[in-house]
Amino acid sequence: MRIQSCLAMCVMMVLASKAYAEDTVQEWTGETACLKCSYSKESGATKCGAGIKVGDKVFALTGPVLKKEMPGCCGEQSTYKVKGKLSADGKSIEVTEITNLKPKKQDEEK
């Protein structure tokens, strides 16, 4: 009976820590690009959308912040710092803040 109680407590702690992690804003830095055009091998994406590669892991980026800060994702790769919440399945990040660490110089835009 004691082993079952201990096991149940461990399971509850794991579930509680996972729920906390999903609700906590975290930070990632990596290369952003299109999920389909640049990261389809890693992501399995069949539609274009914003993604970020951190190490060997690719995450889909979601949320209204992207429309203002990253209007287009195809063909353009850059280094971004992303803050947000990781989805329950660990495959996407709901972005709350995004910062381009390599902004275009005004001379290059002209």
N, C-alpha and C. Protein backbone atom coordinates (compact mmCIF):
# COMPACT_ATOMS: atom_id res chain seq x y z
N MET A 1 0.82 -1.20 0.00
CA MET A 1 0.00 0.00 0.00
C MET A 1 0.86 1.27 0.00
N ARG A 2 1.98 1.22 0.74
CA ARG A 2 2.86 2.38 0.80
C ARG A 2 3.47 2.70 -0.56
N ILE A 3 3.83 1.65 -1.29
CA ILE A 3 4.44 1.84 -2.61
C ILE A 3 3.44 2.50 -3.56
N GLN A 4 2.19 2.08 -3.49
CA GLN A 4 1.17 2.68 -4.34
C GLN A 4 0.97 4.15 -4.00
N SER A 5 0.99 4.48 -2.73
CA SER A 5 0.83 5.88 -2.31
C SER A 5 2.00 6.73 -2.79
N CYS A 6 3.19 6.19 -2.67
CA CYS A 6 4.39 6.89 -3.13
C CYS A 6 4.36 7.08 -4.64
N LEU A 7 3.98 6.03 -5.35
CA LEU A 7 3.89 6.10 -6.81
C LEU A 7 2.85 7.13 -7.25
N ALA A 8 1.70 7.13 -6.59
CA ALA A 8 0.66 8.11 -6.91
C ALA A 8 1.15 9.53 -6.67
N MET A 9 1.89 9.74 -5.58
CA MET A 9 2.43 11.07 -5.28
C MET A 9 3.42 11.50 -6.35
N CYS A 10 4.28 10.57 -6.79
CA CYS A 10 5.26 10.89 -7.84
C CYS A 10 4.56 11.27 -9.14
N VAL A 11 3.54 10.53 -9.52
CA VAL A 11 2.79 10.83 -10.74
C VAL A 11 2.15 12.20 -10.65
N MET A 12 1.57 12.54 -9.51
CA MET A 12 0.94 13.85 -9.33
C MET A 12 1.97 14.96 -9.43
N MET A 13 3.18 14.74 -8.87
CA MET A 13 4.23 15.76 -8.94
C MET A 13 4.69 15.98 -10.38
N VAL A 14 4.84 14.90 -11.13
CA VAL A 14 5.25 15.01 -12.54
C VAL A 14 4.20 15.77 -13.34
N LEU A 15 2.94 15.42 -13.17
CA LEU A 15 1.86 16.10 -13.89
C LEU A 15 1.78 17.57 -13.51
N ALA A 16 1.95 17.87 -12.24
CA ALA A 16 1.91 19.27 -11.80
C ALA A 16 3.07 20.07 -12.37
N SER A 17 4.27 19.47 -12.40
CA SER A 17 5.42 20.20 -12.95
C SER A 17 5.27 20.41 -14.45
N LYS A 18 4.68 19.45 -15.16
CA LYS A 18 4.45 19.61 -16.60
C LYS A 18 3.43 20.71 -16.86
N ALA A 19 2.36 20.75 -16.09
CA ALA A 19 1.36 21.80 -16.23
C ALA A 19 1.97 23.16 -15.94
N TYR A 20 2.85 23.24 -14.95
CA TYR A 20 3.52 24.50 -14.62
C TYR A 20 4.41 24.95 -15.78
N ALA A 21 5.15 24.01 -16.36
CA ALA A 21 6.05 24.34 -17.47
C ALA A 21 5.28 24.86 -18.67
N GLU A 22 4.10 24.28 -18.94
CA GLU A 22 3.30 24.71 -20.08
C GLU A 22 2.73 26.11 -19.88
N ASP A 23 2.56 26.50 -18.62
CA ASP A 23 1.95 27.79 -18.32
C ASP A 23 3.00 28.86 -18.03
N THR A 24 4.27 28.51 -18.06
CA THR A 24 5.35 29.43 -17.74
C THR A 24 5.94 30.01 -19.02
N VAL A 25 6.17 31.32 -19.02
CA VAL A 25 6.82 31.96 -20.16
C VAL A 25 8.30 31.59 -20.12
N GLN A 26 8.78 31.07 -21.24
CA GLN A 26 10.18 30.67 -21.37
C GLN A 26 10.82 31.46 -22.50
N GLU A 27 12.12 31.29 -22.68
CA GLU A 27 12.85 32.04 -23.71
C GLU A 27 13.71 31.09 -24.53
N TRP A 28 13.71 31.31 -25.85
CA TRP A 28 14.51 30.53 -26.79
C TRP A 28 15.21 31.50 -27.73
N THR A 29 16.40 31.12 -28.20
CA THR A 29 17.10 31.88 -29.24
C THR A 29 17.48 30.90 -30.33
N GLY A 30 17.15 31.28 -31.57
CA GLY A 30 17.47 30.39 -32.68
C GLY A 30 17.21 31.02 -34.02
N GLU A 31 17.38 30.23 -35.05
CA GLU A 31 17.17 30.69 -36.43
C GLU A 31 15.71 30.51 -36.81
N THR A 32 15.07 31.58 -37.23
CA THR A 32 13.68 31.52 -37.67
C THR A 32 13.62 31.41 -39.19
N ALA A 33 12.66 30.66 -39.65
CA ALA A 33 12.43 30.50 -41.09
C ALA A 33 11.08 29.82 -41.27
N CYS A 34 10.74 29.52 -42.51
CA CYS A 34 9.46 28.88 -42.82
C CYS A 34 9.50 27.40 -42.44
N LEU A 35 8.44 26.94 -41.77
CA LEU A 35 8.35 25.53 -41.37
C LEU A 35 8.38 24.60 -42.57
N LYS A 36 7.70 24.99 -43.67
CA LYS A 36 7.64 24.12 -44.85
C LYS A 36 8.88 24.30 -45.74
N CYS A 37 9.18 25.54 -46.08
CA CYS A 37 10.25 25.80 -47.06
C CYS A 37 11.64 25.48 -46.51
N SER A 38 11.88 25.74 -45.23
CA SER A 38 13.21 25.55 -44.66
C SER A 38 13.33 24.37 -43.70
N TYR A 39 12.24 24.06 -42.98
CA TYR A 39 12.33 23.06 -41.92
C TYR A 39 11.37 21.89 -42.10
N SER A 40 10.93 21.61 -43.31
CA SER A 40 9.95 20.53 -43.51
C SER A 40 10.50 19.16 -43.09
N LYS A 41 11.77 18.93 -43.28
CA LYS A 41 12.37 17.65 -42.90
C LYS A 41 12.24 17.42 -41.39
N GLU A 42 12.53 18.45 -40.61
CA GLU A 42 12.47 18.34 -39.15
C GLU A 42 11.05 18.44 -38.61
N SER A 43 10.22 19.30 -39.24
CA SER A 43 8.89 19.59 -38.69
C SER A 43 7.77 18.75 -39.30
N GLY A 44 7.98 18.27 -40.54
CA GLY A 44 6.93 17.55 -41.24
C GLY A 44 5.82 18.47 -41.74
N ALA A 45 6.06 19.76 -41.73
CA ALA A 45 5.05 20.75 -42.12
C ALA A 45 4.71 20.63 -43.60
N THR A 46 3.43 20.78 -43.92
CA THR A 46 2.97 20.77 -45.31
C THR A 46 2.45 22.14 -45.72
N LYS A 47 2.41 23.09 -44.77
CA LYS A 47 1.98 24.46 -45.06
C LYS A 47 3.03 25.43 -44.54
N CYS A 48 3.16 26.57 -45.20
CA CYS A 48 4.09 27.59 -44.75
C CYS A 48 3.63 28.17 -43.41
N GLY A 49 4.60 28.51 -42.60
CA GLY A 49 4.33 29.11 -41.31
C GLY A 49 5.65 29.38 -40.62
N ALA A 50 5.64 30.25 -39.64
CA ALA A 50 6.87 30.62 -38.93
C ALA A 50 7.34 29.49 -38.03
N GLY A 51 8.65 29.29 -38.03
CA GLY A 51 9.25 28.29 -37.17
C GLY A 51 10.59 28.78 -36.65
N ILE A 52 11.05 28.16 -35.59
CA ILE A 52 12.36 28.50 -35.03
C ILE A 52 13.10 27.21 -34.75
N LYS A 53 14.38 27.20 -35.13
CA LYS A 53 15.22 26.03 -34.87
C LYS A 53 16.18 26.38 -33.74
N VAL A 54 16.07 25.61 -32.67
CA VAL A 54 16.92 25.79 -31.50
C VAL A 54 17.69 24.49 -31.32
N GLY A 55 18.97 24.53 -31.61
CA GLY A 55 19.74 23.28 -31.60
C GLY A 55 19.23 22.38 -32.71
N ASP A 56 18.84 21.16 -32.36
CA ASP A 56 18.30 20.21 -33.35
C ASP A 56 16.78 20.19 -33.37
N LYS A 57 16.14 20.98 -32.55
CA LYS A 57 14.68 20.96 -32.40
C LYS A 57 14.05 22.14 -33.13
N VAL A 58 12.96 21.86 -33.87
CA VAL A 58 12.22 22.90 -34.57
C VAL A 58 10.85 23.06 -33.91
N PHE A 59 10.47 24.29 -33.64
CA PHE A 59 9.18 24.61 -33.05
C PHE A 59 8.38 25.48 -34.02
N ALA A 60 7.08 25.24 -34.10
CA ALA A 60 6.20 26.15 -34.83
C ALA A 60 5.96 27.35 -33.94
N LEU A 61 5.90 28.54 -34.53
CA LEU A 61 5.61 29.75 -33.76
C LEU A 61 4.17 30.17 -34.03
N THR A 62 3.44 30.48 -32.97
CA THR A 62 2.04 30.88 -33.09
C THR A 62 1.80 32.15 -32.29
N GLY A 63 0.66 32.79 -32.55
CA GLY A 63 0.24 33.94 -31.78
C GLY A 63 0.18 35.22 -32.59
N PRO A 64 -0.63 36.17 -32.15
CA PRO A 64 -0.82 37.42 -32.88
C PRO A 64 0.42 38.32 -32.93
N VAL A 65 1.38 38.13 -32.03
CA VAL A 65 2.59 38.95 -32.02
C VAL A 65 3.37 38.78 -33.32
N LEU A 66 3.30 37.59 -33.90
CA LEU A 66 4.06 37.31 -35.12
C LEU A 66 3.65 38.18 -36.30
N LYS A 67 2.37 38.50 -36.41
CA LYS A 67 1.90 39.28 -37.56
C LYS A 67 2.54 40.66 -37.59
N LYS A 68 2.81 41.24 -36.42
CA LYS A 68 3.45 42.56 -36.35
C LYS A 68 4.95 42.47 -36.52
N GLU A 69 5.57 41.50 -35.88
CA GLU A 69 7.03 41.42 -35.83
C GLU A 69 7.66 40.59 -36.94
N MET A 70 6.92 39.61 -37.47
CA MET A 70 7.42 38.72 -38.51
C MET A 70 6.37 38.55 -39.59
N PRO A 71 6.10 39.57 -40.39
CA PRO A 71 5.00 39.48 -41.35
C PRO A 71 5.16 38.38 -42.39
N GLY A 72 6.36 38.08 -42.81
CA GLY A 72 6.59 37.02 -43.79
C GLY A 72 7.67 36.09 -43.30
N CYS A 73 7.53 34.82 -43.57
CA CYS A 73 8.56 33.89 -43.07
C CYS A 73 9.27 33.15 -44.20
N CYS A 74 8.69 33.10 -45.39
CA CYS A 74 9.29 32.34 -46.48
C CYS A 74 10.49 33.08 -47.06
N GLY A 75 11.57 32.34 -47.26
CA GLY A 75 12.74 32.90 -47.92
C GLY A 75 13.62 33.76 -47.05
N GLU A 76 13.20 34.08 -45.85
CA GLU A 76 14.01 34.96 -45.00
C GLU A 76 14.34 34.23 -43.70
N GLN A 77 15.63 34.14 -43.43
CA GLN A 77 16.08 33.47 -42.21
C GLN A 77 16.83 34.50 -41.38
N SER A 78 16.57 34.49 -40.07
CA SER A 78 17.26 35.42 -39.19
C SER A 78 17.31 34.82 -37.79
N THR A 79 18.13 35.43 -36.94
CA THR A 79 18.24 34.98 -35.56
C THR A 79 17.31 35.82 -34.69
N TYR A 80 16.45 35.13 -33.96
CA TYR A 80 15.48 35.80 -33.09
C TYR A 80 15.56 35.25 -31.67
N LYS A 81 15.21 36.12 -30.73
CA LYS A 81 14.97 35.69 -29.35
C LYS A 81 13.47 35.68 -29.19
N VAL A 82 12.92 34.55 -28.75
CA VAL A 82 11.48 34.37 -28.64
C VAL A 82 11.13 34.08 -27.18
N LYS A 83 10.12 34.77 -26.69
CA LYS A 83 9.57 34.48 -25.36
C LYS A 83 8.14 34.02 -25.56
N GLY A 84 7.75 32.98 -24.82
CA GLY A 84 6.40 32.47 -24.96
C GLY A 84 6.18 31.22 -24.14
N LYS A 85 5.05 30.57 -24.44
CA LYS A 85 4.66 29.36 -23.71
C LYS A 85 4.72 28.16 -24.63
N LEU A 86 5.37 27.11 -24.17
CA LEU A 86 5.48 25.87 -24.92
C LEU A 86 4.16 25.12 -24.86
N SER A 87 3.73 24.59 -26.00
CA SER A 87 2.48 23.82 -26.06
C SER A 87 2.63 22.51 -25.29
N ALA A 88 1.51 21.91 -24.97
CA ALA A 88 1.49 20.65 -24.21
C ALA A 88 2.25 19.54 -24.94
N ASP A 89 2.18 19.53 -26.28
CA ASP A 89 2.87 18.48 -27.03
C ASP A 89 4.34 18.81 -27.31
N GLY A 90 4.78 20.02 -26.92
CA GLY A 90 6.17 20.42 -27.09
C GLY A 90 6.57 20.73 -28.51
N LYS A 91 5.58 20.94 -29.41
CA LYS A 91 5.89 21.18 -30.82
C LYS A 91 5.75 22.63 -31.25
N SER A 92 5.11 23.47 -30.43
CA SER A 92 4.93 24.87 -30.82
C SER A 92 5.08 25.79 -29.62
N ILE A 93 5.33 27.05 -29.94
CA ILE A 93 5.49 28.09 -28.93
C ILE A 93 4.47 29.18 -29.23
N GLU A 94 3.65 29.51 -28.24
CA GLU A 94 2.74 30.65 -28.36
C GLU A 94 3.55 31.88 -27.97
N VAL A 95 3.91 32.69 -28.95
CA VAL A 95 4.85 33.80 -28.76
C VAL A 95 4.17 34.98 -28.06
N THR A 96 4.86 35.48 -27.02
CA THR A 96 4.40 36.69 -26.33
C THR A 96 5.31 37.88 -26.65
N GLU A 97 6.56 37.57 -27.05
CA GLU A 97 7.51 38.62 -27.40
C GLU A 97 8.55 38.03 -28.33
N ILE A 98 8.95 38.80 -29.35
CA ILE A 98 9.96 38.31 -30.30
C ILE A 98 10.88 39.47 -30.67
N THR A 99 12.19 39.20 -30.68
CA THR A 99 13.18 40.24 -30.96
C THR A 99 14.15 39.73 -32.01
N ASN A 100 14.30 40.49 -33.09
CA ASN A 100 15.27 40.15 -34.13
C ASN A 100 16.65 40.55 -33.64
N LEU A 101 17.54 39.59 -33.51
CA LEU A 101 18.88 39.85 -33.04
C LEU A 101 19.83 40.28 -34.16
N LYS A 102 19.37 40.17 -35.41
CA LYS A 102 20.16 40.61 -36.56
C LYS A 102 19.29 41.49 -37.46
N PRO A 103 18.90 42.67 -36.97
CA PRO A 103 18.03 43.51 -37.81
C PRO A 103 18.76 43.98 -39.06
N LYS A 104 17.99 44.18 -40.13
CA LYS A 104 18.55 44.69 -41.38
C LYS A 104 19.05 46.11 -41.16
N LYS A 105 20.19 46.38 -41.78
CA LYS A 105 20.72 47.74 -41.74
C LYS A 105 19.95 48.56 -42.76
N GLN A 106 19.74 49.84 -42.46
CA GLN A 106 18.96 50.69 -43.37
C GLN A 106 19.64 50.81 -44.72
N ASP A 107 20.97 50.72 -44.76
CA ASP A 107 21.67 50.81 -46.04
C ASP A 107 21.35 49.62 -46.93
N GLU A 108 21.15 48.44 -46.34
CA GLU A 108 20.86 47.24 -47.13
C GLU A 108 19.46 47.29 -47.70
N GLU A 109 18.54 47.99 -47.03
CA GLU A 109 17.15 48.06 -47.50
C GLU A 109 16.99 48.96 -48.70
N LYS A 110 17.90 49.91 -48.92
CA LYS A 110 17.78 50.87 -50.01
C LYS A 110 18.28 50.32 -51.31
